[in-house]
Amino acid sequence: MKFDQELNVCGLVCPVPALKTKKQLMKMRPGTVLKVVTNYRPA
């Protein structure tokens, strides 16, 4: 899948990845795709 931006939240535990993702999405224009990379299994 093609994406416009990537957010690496590896090593972080909830709720930090969700908060950082929301913050990044608020900066982006509608229709753009954000790839979120995490290694936290419950996410």
C-alpha atoms as a PDB file:
ATOM      1  CA  MET A   1       0.000   0.000   0.000  1.00  0.00           C
ATOM      2  CA  LYS A   2       1.249   3.465  -0.848  1.00  0.00           C
ATOM      3  CA  PHE A   3       1.508   5.901   2.050  1.00  0.00           C
ATOM      4  CA  ASP A   4       2.333   9.584   2.351  1.00  0.00           C
ATOM      5  CA  GLN A   5       3.916   9.641   5.810  1.00  0.00           C
ATOM      6  CA  GLU A   6       5.268   7.092   8.275  1.00  0.00           C
ATOM      7  CA  LEU A   7       5.122   7.252  12.067  1.00  0.00           C
ATOM      8  CA  ASN A   8       7.424   4.945  14.037  1.00  0.00           C
ATOM      9  CA  VAL A   9       6.119   4.295  17.551  1.00  0.00           C
ATOM     10  CA  CYS A  10       8.186   1.171  18.255  1.00  0.00           C
ATOM     11  CA  GLY A  11       9.086   0.743  21.906  1.00  0.00           C
ATOM     12  CA  LEU A  12       6.142   2.809  23.127  1.00  0.00           C
ATOM     13  CA  VAL A  13       3.196   1.388  25.090  1.00  0.00           C
ATOM     14  CA  CYS A  14      -0.446   2.448  25.165  1.00  0.00           C
ATOM     15  CA  PRO A  15      -1.793   5.027  25.158  1.00  0.00           C
ATOM     16  CA  VAL A  16       1.268   6.823  23.727  1.00  0.00           C
ATOM     17  CA  PRO A  17       1.117   5.278  20.205  1.00  0.00           C
ATOM     18  CA  ALA A  18      -2.560   6.195  19.872  1.00  0.00           C
ATOM     19  CA  LEU A  19      -1.952   9.747  21.081  1.00  0.00           C
ATOM     20  CA  LYS A  20       1.010  10.275  18.746  1.00  0.00           C
ATOM     21  CA  THR A  21      -0.990   8.830  15.845  1.00  0.00           C
ATOM     22  CA  LYS A  22      -3.923  11.163  16.511  1.00  0.00           C
ATOM     23  CA  LYS A  23      -1.589  14.159  16.774  1.00  0.00           C
ATOM     24  CA  GLN A  24       0.057  13.294  13.441  1.00  0.00           C
ATOM     25  CA  LEU A  25      -3.301  12.715  11.723  1.00  0.00           C
ATOM     26  CA  MET A  26      -4.506  16.146  12.856  1.00  0.00           C
ATOM     27  CA  LYS A  27      -1.566  17.702  10.959  1.00  0.00           C
ATOM     28  CA  MET A  28      -2.335  15.835   7.727  1.00  0.00           C
ATOM     29  CA  ARG A  29      -4.689  16.754   4.908  1.00  0.00           C
ATOM     30  CA  PRO A  30      -7.780  14.617   4.246  1.00  0.00           C
ATOM     31  CA  GLY A  31      -7.060  11.794   1.817  1.00  0.00           C
ATOM     32  CA  THR A  32      -3.426  11.309   2.802  1.00  0.00           C
ATOM     33  CA  VAL A  33      -2.293   7.967   4.221  1.00  0.00           C
ATOM     34  CA  LEU A  34      -0.313   7.502   7.427  1.00  0.00           C
ATOM     35  CA  LYS A  35       1.629   4.278   8.005  1.00  0.00           C
ATOM     36  CA  VAL A  36       2.059   3.531  11.724  1.00  0.00           C
ATOM     37  CA  VAL A  37       4.863   1.133  12.695  1.00  0.00           C
ATOM     38  CA  THR A  38       4.703  -0.456  16.150  1.00  0.00           C
ATOM     39  CA  ASN A  39       6.014  -3.508  17.954  1.00  0.00           C
ATOM     40  CA  TYR A  40       3.521  -3.389  20.831  1.00  0.00           C
ATOM     41  CA  ARG A  41       1.413  -6.550  20.419  1.00  0.00           C
ATOM     42  CA  PRO A  42      -1.855  -5.316  22.006  1.00  0.00           C
ATOM     43  CA  ALA A  43      -1.936  -2.445  19.505  1.00  0.00           C
END
